[in-house]
Amino acid sequence: MLKLCRKLAALAILALPLAAHAANYPSKPVRIIVPYTNGGTLDLQTRLYADALSKMWGVSVVVDNRPGASGIIGTDAVAKAAPDGYTIGIVSGQHSTLPPLFPELPFKFSDLKTVAILTQVPMALLARPDFPANNVKELIEHAKTNPGEVNAGTAGPATMNNIWLKSFEEATDTKFMAVPFRGSGPAHIDLMAGRIDIMFDAAGAVLPNIKAGRLKVLAVGGTGSELLPDVPSLASQGYPIGATMFSPSAAVVPAATPNETVEKLSKDFLAVLQQPDIRKRLLDAGLEVIGKDSDEADKFISSEVERLTKIIRDNNITTQ
């Protein structure tokens, strides 16, 4: 009994620094790593969070862009940082595609803990303005009547555009001619010009062209979109696969970060997302708030990795 008491006392003493750390966190500058270049939507939202959290915490919050290797370089830096809450990463929907696309990652997904799911980029199923289909049912009928003749633009084989396309093909027993471009921008130009027929892409990226009538939108992903409230979702048109067609962003930290710190980070990120000015600025940038806490977030990321791994492997999608 005496030995047991001594062990329990020792464990209690060891736990004191962790409790003190959580109570005083953060007490020095915090770094948020973005694994992409500055100027994109992930960078933009991160700078909004950094400014709001700095005001909330009373310490400086620095954004550190670490682009390269499809986000691997920056994410690896987060995974290998000290697990003290002073290094956070903000990752995009592409994060969940890394394990199947890059089997030799320099880090394991178990090296990371998801603090919160923050926002989503809603997907839009786009068509050239004079395309004969006006909804998903008509698109499927047209594709089956003209097998392999309807072409679909993508930003490359390993991008979300193409992954959404392949999952749609599987769910609807259709086949499109995938046309890869060097980025979404050039694909948008050819879609508006009528040189390609359809494309799955982020709604926010093409909103002005949709509103101007230069692009037709047949459906949105998820359960609907604040950006296009009058456009029915894929799921509401009878295709449940559409419920998963959005690209989320998430905050992550090293897996060994104390639970108390993770919980505080989760609570504070979600509080920032509830600020009306932040929500408006995110929506203006084409981003919609999700706001899932750390427990929900980890489960969500795990299910996304599993789901996307199956699509990628079933369709032999590679980075080449």
C-alpha atoms as a PDB file:
ATOM      1  CA  MET A   1       0.000   0.000   0.000  1.00  0.00           C
ATOM      2  CA  LEU A   2       2.859   2.376   0.874  1.00  0.00           C
ATOM      3  CA  LYS A   3       4.497   1.747  -2.523  1.00  0.00           C
ATOM      4  CA  LEU A   4       1.200   2.447  -4.293  1.00  0.00           C
ATOM      5  CA  CYS A   5       0.764   5.711  -2.401  1.00  0.00           C
ATOM      6  CA  ARG A   6       4.287   6.776  -3.331  1.00  0.00           C
ATOM      7  CA  LYS A   7       3.631   6.000  -7.031  1.00  0.00           C
ATOM      8  CA  LEU A   8       0.384   7.965  -6.981  1.00  0.00           C
ATOM      9  CA  ALA A   9       2.123  10.882  -5.305  1.00  0.00           C
ATOM     10  CA  ALA A  10       4.885  10.802  -7.900  1.00  0.00           C
ATOM     11  CA  LEU A  11       2.334  10.807 -10.749  1.00  0.00           C
ATOM     12  CA  ALA A  12       0.528  13.751  -9.152  1.00  0.00           C
ATOM     13  CA  ILE A  13       3.793  15.700  -8.959  1.00  0.00           C
ATOM     14  CA  LEU A  14       4.550  14.942 -12.613  1.00  0.00           C
ATOM     15  CA  ALA A  15       1.091  16.157 -13.578  1.00  0.00           C
ATOM     16  CA  LEU A  16       1.564  19.531 -11.894  1.00  0.00           C
ATOM     17  CA  PRO A  17       3.687  21.087 -14.688  1.00  0.00           C
ATOM     18  CA  LEU A  18       1.061  20.023 -17.267  1.00  0.00           C
ATOM     19  CA  ALA A  19      -1.747  21.576 -15.240  1.00  0.00           C
ATOM     20  CA  ALA A  20       0.290  24.740 -14.714  1.00  0.00           C
ATOM     21  CA  HIS A  21       1.112  24.852 -18.438  1.00  0.00           C
ATOM     22  CA  ALA A  22      -2.563  24.623 -19.393  1.00  0.00           C
ATOM     23  CA  ALA A  23      -3.562  27.294 -16.864  1.00  0.00           C
ATOM     24  CA  ASN A  24      -0.921  29.750 -18.140  1.00  0.00           C
ATOM     25  CA  TYR A  25      -1.249  28.946 -21.842  1.00  0.00           C
ATOM     26  CA  PRO A  26      -0.413  30.867 -23.911  1.00  0.00           C
ATOM     27  CA  SER A  27       2.245  32.921 -22.168  1.00  0.00           C
ATOM     28  CA  LYS A  28       4.511  33.579 -25.164  1.00  0.00           C
ATOM     29  CA  PRO A  29       4.180  34.045 -28.954  1.00  0.00           C
ATOM     30  CA  VAL A  30       2.323  31.325 -30.867  1.00  0.00           C
ATOM     31  CA  ARG A  31       3.234  30.235 -34.395  1.00  0.00           C
ATOM     32  CA  ILE A  32       0.628  29.052 -36.920  1.00  0.00           C
ATOM     33  CA  ILE A  33       2.114  27.187 -39.878  1.00  0.00           C
ATOM     34  CA  VAL A  34       0.325  27.305 -43.238  1.00  0.00           C
ATOM     35  CA  PRO A  35       1.681  24.593 -45.580  1.00  0.00           C
ATOM     36  CA  TYR A  36       0.967  26.700 -48.684  1.00  0.00           C
ATOM     37  CA  THR A  37       2.025  30.063 -50.115  1.00  0.00           C
ATOM     38  CA  ASN A  38       0.546  33.314 -48.888  1.00  0.00           C
ATOM     39  CA  GLY A  39      -2.380  34.882 -50.705  1.00  0.00           C
ATOM     40  CA  GLY A  40      -4.608  31.800 -50.969  1.00  0.00           C
ATOM     41  CA  THR A  41      -7.826  31.166 -49.037  1.00  0.00           C
ATOM     42  CA  LEU A  42      -6.060  28.987 -46.441  1.00  0.00           C
ATOM     43  CA  ASP A  43      -3.535  31.759 -45.794  1.00  0.00           C
ATOM     44  CA  LEU A  44      -6.265  34.408 -45.703  1.00  0.00           C
ATOM     45  CA  GLN A  45      -8.355  32.609 -43.094  1.00  0.00           C
ATOM     46  CA  THR A  46      -5.273  31.808 -41.002  1.00  0.00           C
ATOM     47  CA  ARG A  47      -4.387  35.506 -40.817  1.00  0.00           C
ATOM     48  CA  LEU A  48      -7.920  36.267 -39.626  1.00  0.00           C
ATOM     49  CA  TYR A  49      -7.560  33.632 -36.875  1.00  0.00           C
ATOM     50  CA  ALA A  50      -4.097  34.861 -35.921  1.00  0.00           C
ATOM     51  CA  ASP A  51      -5.289  38.441 -35.482  1.00  0.00           C
ATOM     52  CA  ALA A  52      -8.382  37.428 -33.480  1.00  0.00           C
ATOM     53  CA  LEU A  53      -6.494  34.960 -31.260  1.00  0.00           C
ATOM     54  CA  SER A  54      -3.733  37.492 -30.599  1.00  0.00           C
ATOM     55  CA  LYS A  55      -6.355  39.926 -29.281  1.00  0.00           C
ATOM     56  CA  MET A  56      -8.006  37.167 -27.238  1.00  0.00           C
ATOM     57  CA  TRP A  57      -4.776  35.853 -25.702  1.00  0.00           C
ATOM     58  CA  GLY A  58      -2.749  39.046 -25.360  1.00  0.00           C
ATOM     59  CA  VAL A  59       0.288  37.490 -27.087  1.00  0.00           C
ATOM     60  CA  SER A  60       1.526  37.749 -30.662  1.00  0.00           C
ATOM     61  CA  VAL A  61       0.388  35.028 -33.080  1.00  0.00           C
ATOM     62  CA  VAL A  62       2.675  34.719 -36.095  1.00  0.00           C
ATOM     63  CA  VAL A  63       1.709  33.144 -39.439  1.00  0.00           C
ATOM     64  CA  ASP A  64       4.533  31.075 -40.929  1.00  0.00           C
ATOM     65  CA  ASN A  65       4.058  29.982 -44.570  1.00  0.00           C
ATOM     66  CA  ARG A  66       5.902  26.717 -45.319  1.00  0.00           C
ATOM     67  CA  PRO A  67       4.833  25.765 -48.867  1.00  0.00           C
ATOM     68  CA  GLY A  68       6.006  22.793 -50.884  1.00  0.00           C
ATOM     69  CA  ALA A  69       5.386  19.137 -51.700  1.00  0.00           C
ATOM     70  CA  SER A  70       1.571  19.376 -51.676  1.00  0.00           C
ATOM     71  CA  GLY A  71       1.545  20.688 -48.121  1.00  0.00           C
ATOM     72  CA  ILE A  72       3.838  17.985 -46.756  1.00  0.00           C
ATOM     73  CA  ILE A  73       6.728  20.286 -45.790  1.00  0.00           C
ATOM     74  CA  GLY A  74       4.643  22.562 -43.581  1.00  0.00           C
ATOM     75  CA  THR A  75       2.587  19.748 -42.074  1.00  0.00           C
ATOM     76  CA  ASP A  76       5.759  17.819 -41.250  1.00  0.00           C
ATOM     77  CA  ALA A  77       7.073  20.883 -39.415  1.00  0.00           C
ATOM     78  CA  VAL A  78       3.930  20.873 -37.255  1.00  0.00           C
ATOM     79  CA  ALA A  79       4.104  17.130 -36.581  1.00  0.00           C
ATOM     80  CA  LYS A  80       7.719  17.429 -35.413  1.00  0.00           C
ATOM     81  CA  ALA A  81       7.324  20.607 -33.352  1.00  0.00           C
ATOM     82  CA  ALA A  82       7.420  20.648 -29.554  1.00  0.00           C
ATOM     83  CA  PRO A  83       4.007  19.418 -28.309  1.00  0.00           C
ATOM     84  CA  ASP A  84       3.348  22.460 -26.164  1.00  0.00           C
ATOM     85  CA  GLY A  85       0.618  24.278 -28.099  1.00  0.00           C
ATOM     86  CA  TYR A  86       2.954  26.968 -29.390  1.00  0.00           C
ATOM     87  CA  THR A  87       3.041  25.518 -32.914  1.00  0.00           C
ATOM     88  CA  ILE A  88      -0.288  25.029 -34.698  1.00  0.00           C
ATOM     89  CA  GLY A  89      -0.960  24.054 -38.297  1.00  0.00           C
ATOM     90  CA  ILE A  90      -3.893  24.975 -40.530  1.00  0.00           C
ATOM     91  CA  VAL A  91      -4.489  22.349 -43.223  1.00  0.00           C
ATOM     92  CA  SER A  92      -6.865  22.111 -46.175  1.00  0.00           C
ATOM     93  CA  GLY A  93      -9.025  19.314 -47.564  1.00  0.00           C
ATOM     94  CA  GLN A  94      -5.998  18.015 -49.486  1.00  0.00           C
ATOM     95  CA  HIS A  95      -4.559  16.999 -46.094  1.00  0.00           C
ATOM     96  CA  SER A  96      -6.731  13.868 -46.007  1.00  0.00           C
ATOM     97  CA  THR A  97      -5.461  12.761 -49.430  1.00  0.00           C
ATOM     98  CA  LEU A  98      -1.800  12.667 -48.369  1.00  0.00           C
ATOM     99  CA  PRO A  99      -1.617   9.060 -47.015  1.00  0.00           C
ATOM    100  CA  PRO A 100      -2.823   7.331 -50.215  1.00  0.00           C
ATOM    101  CA  LEU A 101      -1.022   9.733 -52.574  1.00  0.00           C
ATOM    102  CA  PHE A 102       2.293   9.783 -50.678  1.00  0.00           C
ATOM    103  CA  PRO A 103       2.866   6.374 -49.011  1.00  0.00           C
ATOM    104  CA  GLU A 104       6.306   7.483 -47.721  1.00  0.00           C
ATOM    105  CA  LEU A 105       5.272  10.570 -45.791  1.00  0.00           C
ATOM    106  CA  PRO A 106       7.957  11.901 -43.389  1.00  0.00           C
ATOM    107  CA  PHE A 107       5.362  11.869 -40.604  1.00  0.00           C
ATOM    108  CA  LYS A 108       2.517   9.617 -39.502  1.00  0.00           C
ATOM    109  CA  PHE A 109      -1.043  10.876 -39.263  1.00  0.00           C
ATOM    110  CA  SER A 110      -0.978   9.626 -35.663  1.00  0.00           C
ATOM    111  CA  ASP A 111       1.716  12.287 -35.060  1.00  0.00           C
ATOM    112  CA  LEU A 112      -1.017  14.930 -35.334  1.00  0.00           C
ATOM    113  CA  LYS A 113      -4.057  15.805 -33.242  1.00  0.00           C
ATOM    114  CA  THR A 114      -6.921  17.702 -34.866  1.00  0.00           C
ATOM    115  CA  VAL A 115      -7.932  20.686 -32.747  1.00  0.00           C
ATOM    116  CA  ALA A 116     -10.998  21.740 -34.763  1.00  0.00           C
ATOM    117  CA  ILE A 117     -12.624  21.607 -38.173  1.00  0.00           C
ATOM    118  CA  LEU A 118     -12.899  25.273 -39.097  1.00  0.00           C
ATOM    119  CA  THR A 119     -14.406  26.034 -42.500  1.00  0.00           C
ATOM    120  CA  GLN A 120     -15.420  24.431 -45.737  1.00  0.00           C
ATOM    121  CA  VAL A 121     -14.992  25.388 -49.354  1.00  0.00           C
ATOM    122  CA  PRO A 122     -18.330  24.319 -50.864  1.00  0.00           C
ATOM    123  CA  MET A 123     -18.176  22.405 -54.138  1.00  0.00           C
ATOM    124  CA  ALA A 124     -20.100  23.545 -57.199  1.00  0.00           C
ATOM    125  CA  LEU A 125     -20.897  21.292 -60.169  1.00  0.00           C
ATOM    126  CA  LEU A 126     -20.380  23.710 -63.041  1.00  0.00           C
ATOM    127  CA  ALA A 127     -21.279  23.573 -66.729  1.00  0.00           C
ATOM    128  CA  ARG A 128     -20.661  25.752 -69.761  1.00  0.00           C
ATOM    129  CA  PRO A 129     -23.472  28.292 -70.226  1.00  0.00           C
ATOM    130  CA  ASP A 130     -25.059  26.525 -73.226  1.00  0.00           C
ATOM    131  CA  PHE A 131     -24.737  22.980 -71.886  1.00  0.00           C
ATOM    132  CA  PRO A 132     -28.017  21.094 -72.525  1.00  0.00           C
ATOM    133  CA  ALA A 133     -28.398  19.794 -68.935  1.00  0.00           C
ATOM    134  CA  ASN A 134     -29.810  22.062 -66.238  1.00  0.00           C
ATOM    135  CA  ASN A 135     -29.696  19.693 -63.265  1.00  0.00           C
ATOM    136  CA  VAL A 136     -27.921  16.526 -62.119  1.00  0.00           C
ATOM    137  CA  LYS A 137     -30.497  14.112 -63.522  1.00  0.00           C
ATOM    138  CA  GLU A 138     -30.262  15.697 -66.963  1.00  0.00           C
ATOM    139  CA  LEU A 139     -26.446  15.647 -66.777  1.00  0.00           C
ATOM    140  CA  ILE A 140     -26.428  11.916 -66.013  1.00  0.00           C
ATOM    141  CA  GLU A 141     -28.885  11.177 -68.821  1.00  0.00           C
ATOM    142  CA  HIS A 142     -26.801  13.224 -71.260  1.00  0.00           C
ATOM    143  CA  ALA A 143     -23.586  11.499 -70.165  1.00  0.00           C
ATOM    144  CA  LYS A 144     -25.110   8.025 -70.569  1.00  0.00           C
ATOM    145  CA  THR A 145     -26.537   8.905 -73.976  1.00  0.00           C
ATOM    146  CA  ASN A 146     -23.108  10.193 -75.040  1.00  0.00           C
ATOM    147  CA  PRO A 147     -20.662   7.880 -73.185  1.00  0.00           C
ATOM    148  CA  GLY A 148     -17.141   9.279 -72.912  1.00  0.00           C
ATOM    149  CA  GLU A 149     -18.013  12.354 -74.982  1.00  0.00           C
ATOM    150  CA  VAL A 150     -18.795  14.795 -72.163  1.00  0.00           C
ATOM    151  CA  ASN A 151     -15.494  16.280 -71.019  1.00  0.00           C
ATOM    152  CA  ALA A 152     -14.747  17.466 -67.501  1.00  0.00           C
ATOM    153  CA  GLY A 153     -12.001  19.885 -66.561  1.00  0.00           C
ATOM    154  CA  THR A 154      -9.733  19.277 -63.575  1.00  0.00           C
ATOM    155  CA  ALA A 155      -6.748  21.035 -62.058  1.00  0.00           C
ATOM    156  CA  GLY A 156      -4.760  17.791 -62.311  1.00  0.00           C
ATOM    157  CA  PRO A 157      -5.188  14.105 -61.432  1.00  0.00           C
ATOM    158  CA  ALA A 158      -4.528  14.367 -57.672  1.00  0.00           C
ATOM    159  CA  THR A 159      -6.666  17.452 -57.048  1.00  0.00           C
ATOM    160  CA  MET A 160     -10.039  17.601 -55.344  1.00  0.00           C
ATOM    161  CA  ASN A 161     -11.624  18.503 -58.716  1.00  0.00           C
ATOM    162  CA  ASN A 162     -10.672  15.107 -60.096  1.00  0.00           C
ATOM    163  CA  ILE A 163     -11.413  13.201 -56.880  1.00  0.00           C
ATOM    164  CA  TRP A 164     -14.921  14.709 -56.813  1.00  0.00           C
ATOM    165  CA  LEU A 165     -15.336  13.781 -60.493  1.00  0.00           C
ATOM    166  CA  LYS A 166     -14.306  10.158 -59.903  1.00  0.00           C
ATOM    167  CA  SER A 167     -16.556   9.760 -56.881  1.00  0.00           C
ATOM    168  CA  PHE A 168     -19.457  11.177 -58.919  1.00  0.00           C
ATOM    169  CA  GLU A 169     -18.769   8.735 -61.764  1.00  0.00           C
ATOM    170  CA  GLU A 170     -18.786   5.799 -59.344  1.00  0.00           C
ATOM    171  CA  ALA A 171     -22.009   6.907 -57.660  1.00  0.00           C
ATOM    172  CA  THR A 172     -23.896   7.535 -60.919  1.00  0.00           C
ATOM    173  CA  ASP A 173     -22.415   4.876 -63.206  1.00  0.00           C
ATOM    174  CA  THR A 174     -21.241   7.515 -65.679  1.00  0.00           C
ATOM    175  CA  LYS A 175     -17.961   8.160 -67.462  1.00  0.00           C
ATOM    176  CA  PHE A 176     -16.558  11.537 -68.427  1.00  0.00           C
ATOM    177  CA  MET A 177     -13.470  12.493 -70.421  1.00  0.00           C
ATOM    178  CA  ALA A 178     -11.198  14.103 -67.821  1.00  0.00           C
ATOM    179  CA  VAL A 179      -9.208  17.054 -69.175  1.00  0.00           C
ATOM    180  CA  PRO A 180      -6.378  18.118 -66.840  1.00  0.00           C
ATOM    181  CA  PHE A 181      -5.283  21.767 -66.707  1.00  0.00           C
ATOM    182  CA  ARG A 182      -2.416  23.442 -64.914  1.00  0.00           C
ATOM    183  CA  GLY A 183      -4.678  24.867 -62.249  1.00  0.00           C
ATOM    184  CA  SER A 184      -8.343  25.765 -61.954  1.00  0.00           C
ATOM    185  CA  GLY A 185      -7.983  29.218 -63.524  1.00  0.00           C
ATOM    186  CA  PRO A 186      -7.198  27.989 -67.063  1.00  0.00           C
ATOM    187  CA  ALA A 187      -9.993  25.395 -66.765  1.00  0.00           C
ATOM    188  CA  HIS A 188     -12.487  28.147 -65.864  1.00  0.00           C
ATOM    189  CA  ILE A 189     -11.523  30.062 -69.009  1.00  0.00           C
ATOM    190  CA  ASP A 190     -12.111  27.038 -71.244  1.00  0.00           C
ATOM    191  CA  LEU A 191     -15.364  26.208 -69.445  1.00  0.00           C
ATOM    192  CA  MET A 192     -16.741  29.716 -69.994  1.00  0.00           C
ATOM    193  CA  ALA A 193     -15.584  29.582 -73.623  1.00  0.00           C
ATOM    194  CA  GLY A 194     -17.418  26.275 -74.140  1.00  0.00           C
ATOM    195  CA  ARG A 195     -14.276  24.268 -74.896  1.00  0.00           C
ATOM    196  CA  ILE A 196     -15.017  21.881 -72.008  1.00  0.00           C
ATOM    197  CA  ASP A 197     -18.434  20.850 -70.702  1.00  0.00           C
ATOM    198  CA  ILE A 198     -18.408  20.525 -66.910  1.00  0.00           C
ATOM    199  CA  MET A 199     -16.176  20.893 -63.880  1.00  0.00           C
ATOM    200  CA  PHE A 200     -16.328  20.279 -60.138  1.00  0.00           C
ATOM    201  CA  ASP A 201     -14.758  23.218 -58.319  1.00  0.00           C
ATOM    202  CA  ALA A 202     -14.878  25.505 -55.298  1.00  0.00           C
ATOM    203  CA  ALA A 203     -17.993  27.671 -55.482  1.00  0.00           C
ATOM    204  CA  GLY A 204     -16.248  30.742 -54.102  1.00  0.00           C
ATOM    205  CA  ALA A 205     -13.614  30.698 -56.841  1.00  0.00           C
ATOM    206  CA  VAL A 206     -16.195  31.204 -59.588  1.00  0.00           C
ATOM    207  CA  LEU A 207     -19.013  33.051 -57.820  1.00  0.00           C
ATOM    208  CA  PRO A 208     -18.741  36.269 -59.900  1.00  0.00           C
ATOM    209  CA  ASN A 209     -18.846  34.269 -63.134  1.00  0.00           C
ATOM    210  CA  ILE A 210     -21.872  32.277 -61.933  1.00  0.00           C
ATOM    211  CA  LYS A 211     -23.723  35.470 -61.009  1.00  0.00           C
ATOM    212  CA  ALA A 212     -22.817  37.045 -64.349  1.00  0.00           C
ATOM    213  CA  GLY A 213     -24.209  34.041 -66.240  1.00  0.00           C
ATOM    214  CA  ARG A 214     -20.835  33.066 -67.672  1.00  0.00           C
ATOM    215  CA  LEU A 215     -21.118  29.682 -65.939  1.00  0.00           C
ATOM    216  CA  LYS A 216     -24.072  27.430 -65.185  1.00  0.00           C
ATOM    217  CA  VAL A 217     -24.198  25.658 -61.830  1.00  0.00           C
ATOM    218  CA  LEU A 218     -26.095  22.362 -61.649  1.00  0.00           C
ATOM    219  CA  ALA A 219     -25.615  21.535 -57.967  1.00  0.00           C
ATOM    220  CA  VAL A 220     -23.590  22.270 -54.846  1.00  0.00           C
ATOM    221  CA  GLY A 221     -21.961  19.865 -52.421  1.00  0.00           C
ATOM    222  CA  GLY A 222     -22.580  19.282 -48.738  1.00  0.00           C
ATOM    223  CA  THR A 223     -26.082  20.066 -47.514  1.00  0.00           C
ATOM    224  CA  GLY A 224     -26.240  23.293 -49.493  1.00  0.00           C
ATOM    225  CA  SER A 225     -24.244  26.493 -49.704  1.00  0.00           C
ATOM    226  CA  GLU A 226     -24.595  29.921 -48.131  1.00  0.00           C
ATOM    227  CA  LEU A 227     -22.812  31.266 -51.206  1.00  0.00           C
ATOM    228  CA  LEU A 228     -25.432  29.820 -53.582  1.00  0.00           C
ATOM    229  CA  PRO A 229     -28.543  29.440 -51.433  1.00  0.00           C
ATOM    230  CA  ASP A 230     -30.879  28.978 -54.414  1.00  0.00           C
ATOM    231  CA  VAL A 231     -28.897  26.083 -55.923  1.00  0.00           C
ATOM    232  CA  PRO A 232     -30.017  22.593 -54.811  1.00  0.00           C
ATOM    233  CA  SER A 233     -27.417  20.233 -53.394  1.00  0.00           C
ATOM    234  CA  LEU A 234     -26.444  16.981 -55.061  1.00  0.00           C
ATOM    235  CA  ALA A 235     -27.873  15.119 -52.076  1.00  0.00           C
ATOM    236  CA  SER A 236     -31.238  16.888 -52.341  1.00  0.00           C
ATOM    237  CA  GLN A 237     -31.359  15.901 -56.019  1.00  0.00           C
ATOM    238  CA  GLY A 238     -31.111  12.249 -55.014  1.00  0.00           C
ATOM    239  CA  TYR A 239     -27.331  11.658 -54.980  1.00  0.00           C
ATOM    240  CA  PRO A 240     -26.084  11.192 -51.384  1.00  0.00           C
ATOM    241  CA  ILE A 241     -22.419  11.175 -52.510  1.00  0.00           C
ATOM    242  CA  GLY A 242     -22.751  14.953 -52.775  1.00  0.00           C
ATOM    243  CA  ALA A 243     -22.961  15.288 -48.985  1.00  0.00           C
ATOM    244  CA  THR A 244     -19.196  14.683 -48.771  1.00  0.00           C
ATOM    245  CA  MET A 245     -18.257  17.022 -51.626  1.00  0.00           C
ATOM    246  CA  PHE A 246     -16.652  19.953 -49.861  1.00  0.00           C
ATOM    247  CA  SER A 247     -13.110  20.793 -48.862  1.00  0.00           C
ATOM    248  CA  PRO A 248     -12.666  21.435 -45.111  1.00  0.00           C
ATOM    249  CA  SER A 249      -9.905  23.256 -43.280  1.00  0.00           C
ATOM    250  CA  ALA A 250      -8.664  22.163 -39.864  1.00  0.00           C
ATOM    251  CA  ALA A 251      -6.333  23.231 -37.078  1.00  0.00           C
ATOM    252  CA  VAL A 252      -3.805  20.571 -36.026  1.00  0.00           C
ATOM    253  CA  VAL A 253      -1.082  20.255 -33.377  1.00  0.00           C
ATOM    254  CA  PRO A 254       1.512  17.608 -32.458  1.00  0.00           C
ATOM    255  CA  ALA A 255      -0.268  14.546 -31.052  1.00  0.00           C
ATOM    256  CA  ALA A 256       1.460  14.693 -27.648  1.00  0.00           C
ATOM    257  CA  THR A 257       0.112  18.198 -26.923  1.00  0.00           C
ATOM    258  CA  PRO A 258      -1.585  18.109 -23.479  1.00  0.00           C
ATOM    259  CA  ASN A 259      -5.330  17.506 -23.639  1.00  0.00           C
ATOM    260  CA  GLU A 260      -6.034  20.637 -21.605  1.00  0.00           C
ATOM    261  CA  THR A 261      -4.186  22.741 -24.182  1.00  0.00           C
ATOM    262  CA  VAL A 262      -5.952  21.032 -27.093  1.00  0.00           C
ATOM    263  CA  GLU A 263      -9.314  21.698 -25.438  1.00  0.00           C
ATOM    264  CA  LYS A 264      -8.458  25.373 -24.893  1.00  0.00           C
ATOM    265  CA  LEU A 265      -7.318  25.762 -28.490  1.00  0.00           C
ATOM    266  CA  SER A 266     -10.475  24.073 -29.741  1.00  0.00           C
ATOM    267  CA  LYS A 267     -12.693  26.292 -27.585  1.00  0.00           C
ATOM    268  CA  ASP A 268     -10.874  29.467 -28.633  1.00  0.00           C
ATOM    269  CA  PHE A 269     -10.840  28.670 -32.371  1.00  0.00           C
ATOM    270  CA  LEU A 270     -14.572  27.942 -32.261  1.00  0.00           C
ATOM    271  CA  ALA A 271     -15.150  31.202 -30.347  1.00  0.00           C
ATOM    272  CA  VAL A 272     -13.321  33.097 -33.093  1.00  0.00           C
ATOM    273  CA  LEU A 273     -15.546  31.472 -35.721  1.00  0.00           C
ATOM    274  CA  GLN A 274     -18.622  32.781 -33.897  1.00  0.00           C
ATOM    275  CA  GLN A 275     -17.530  36.414 -34.262  1.00  0.00           C
ATOM    276  CA  PRO A 276     -19.886  38.046 -36.823  1.00  0.00           C
ATOM    277  CA  ASP A 277     -17.115  40.050 -38.487  1.00  0.00           C
ATOM    278  CA  ILE A 278     -14.941  36.948 -38.890  1.00  0.00           C
ATOM    279  CA  ARG A 279     -17.842  34.915 -40.323  1.00  0.00           C
ATOM    280  CA  LYS A 280     -18.621  37.679 -42.824  1.00  0.00           C
ATOM    281  CA  ARG A 281     -15.014  38.023 -43.949  1.00  0.00           C
ATOM    282  CA  LEU A 282     -14.705  34.255 -44.345  1.00  0.00           C
ATOM    283  CA  LEU A 283     -17.908  34.119 -46.401  1.00  0.00           C
ATOM    284  CA  ASP A 284     -16.692  37.024 -48.559  1.00  0.00           C
ATOM    285  CA  ALA A 285     -13.616  34.884 -49.277  1.00  0.00           C
ATOM    286  CA  GLY A 286     -15.780  31.904 -50.307  1.00  0.00           C
ATOM    287  CA  LEU A 287     -15.477  30.022 -47.003  1.00  0.00           C
ATOM    288  CA  GLU A 288     -18.336  28.721 -44.872  1.00  0.00           C
ATOM    289  CA  VAL A 289     -17.987  28.034 -41.132  1.00  0.00           C
ATOM    290  CA  ILE A 290     -18.255  24.412 -39.941  1.00  0.00           C
ATOM    291  CA  GLY A 291     -16.935  24.556 -36.368  1.00  0.00           C
ATOM    292  CA  LYS A 292     -16.366  21.018 -35.039  1.00  0.00           C
ATOM    293  CA  ASP A 293     -14.541  20.543 -31.717  1.00  0.00           C
ATOM    294  CA  SER A 294     -11.485  18.334 -31.183  1.00  0.00           C
ATOM    295  CA  ASP A 295     -13.399  15.097 -30.500  1.00  0.00           C
ATOM    296  CA  GLU A 296     -15.606  15.478 -33.591  1.00  0.00           C
ATOM    297  CA  ALA A 297     -12.673  16.745 -35.640  1.00  0.00           C
ATOM    298  CA  ASP A 298     -10.423  13.722 -35.107  1.00  0.00           C
ATOM    299  CA  LYS A 299     -13.250  11.341 -36.053  1.00  0.00           C
ATOM    300  CA  PHE A 300     -14.066  13.438 -39.116  1.00  0.00           C
ATOM    301  CA  ILE A 301     -10.468  13.478 -40.389  1.00  0.00           C
ATOM    302  CA  SER A 302     -10.121   9.711 -39.848  1.00  0.00           C
ATOM    303  CA  SER A 303     -13.292   9.054 -41.844  1.00  0.00           C
ATOM    304  CA  GLU A 304     -12.143  11.427 -44.605  1.00  0.00           C
ATOM    305  CA  VAL A 305      -8.783   9.662 -44.929  1.00  0.00           C
ATOM    306  CA  GLU A 306     -10.542   6.288 -45.165  1.00  0.00           C
ATOM    307  CA  ARG A 307     -13.108   7.528 -47.700  1.00  0.00           C
ATOM    308  CA  LEU A 308     -10.632   9.366 -49.926  1.00  0.00           C
ATOM    309  CA  THR A 309      -8.094   6.532 -49.787  1.00  0.00           C
ATOM    310  CA  LYS A 310     -10.693   4.178 -51.292  1.00  0.00           C
ATOM    311  CA  ILE A 311     -11.576   6.606 -54.101  1.00  0.00           C
ATOM    312  CA  ILE A 312      -7.923   7.297 -54.900  1.00  0.00           C
ATOM    313  CA  ARG A 313      -6.902   3.629 -54.933  1.00  0.00           C
ATOM    314  CA  ASP A 314     -10.014   2.400 -56.783  1.00  0.00           C
ATOM    315  CA  ASN A 315      -9.316   4.920 -59.563  1.00  0.00           C
ATOM    316  CA  ASN A 316      -5.519   4.552 -59.596  1.00  0.00           C
ATOM    317  CA  ILE A 317      -5.121   8.290 -58.960  1.00  0.00           C
ATOM    318  CA  THR A 318      -1.508   9.390 -58.605  1.00  0.00           C
ATOM    319  CA  THR A 319       0.345  12.680 -58.411  1.00  0.00           C
ATOM    320  CA  GLN A 320       1.776  12.166 -61.901  1.00  0.00           C
END
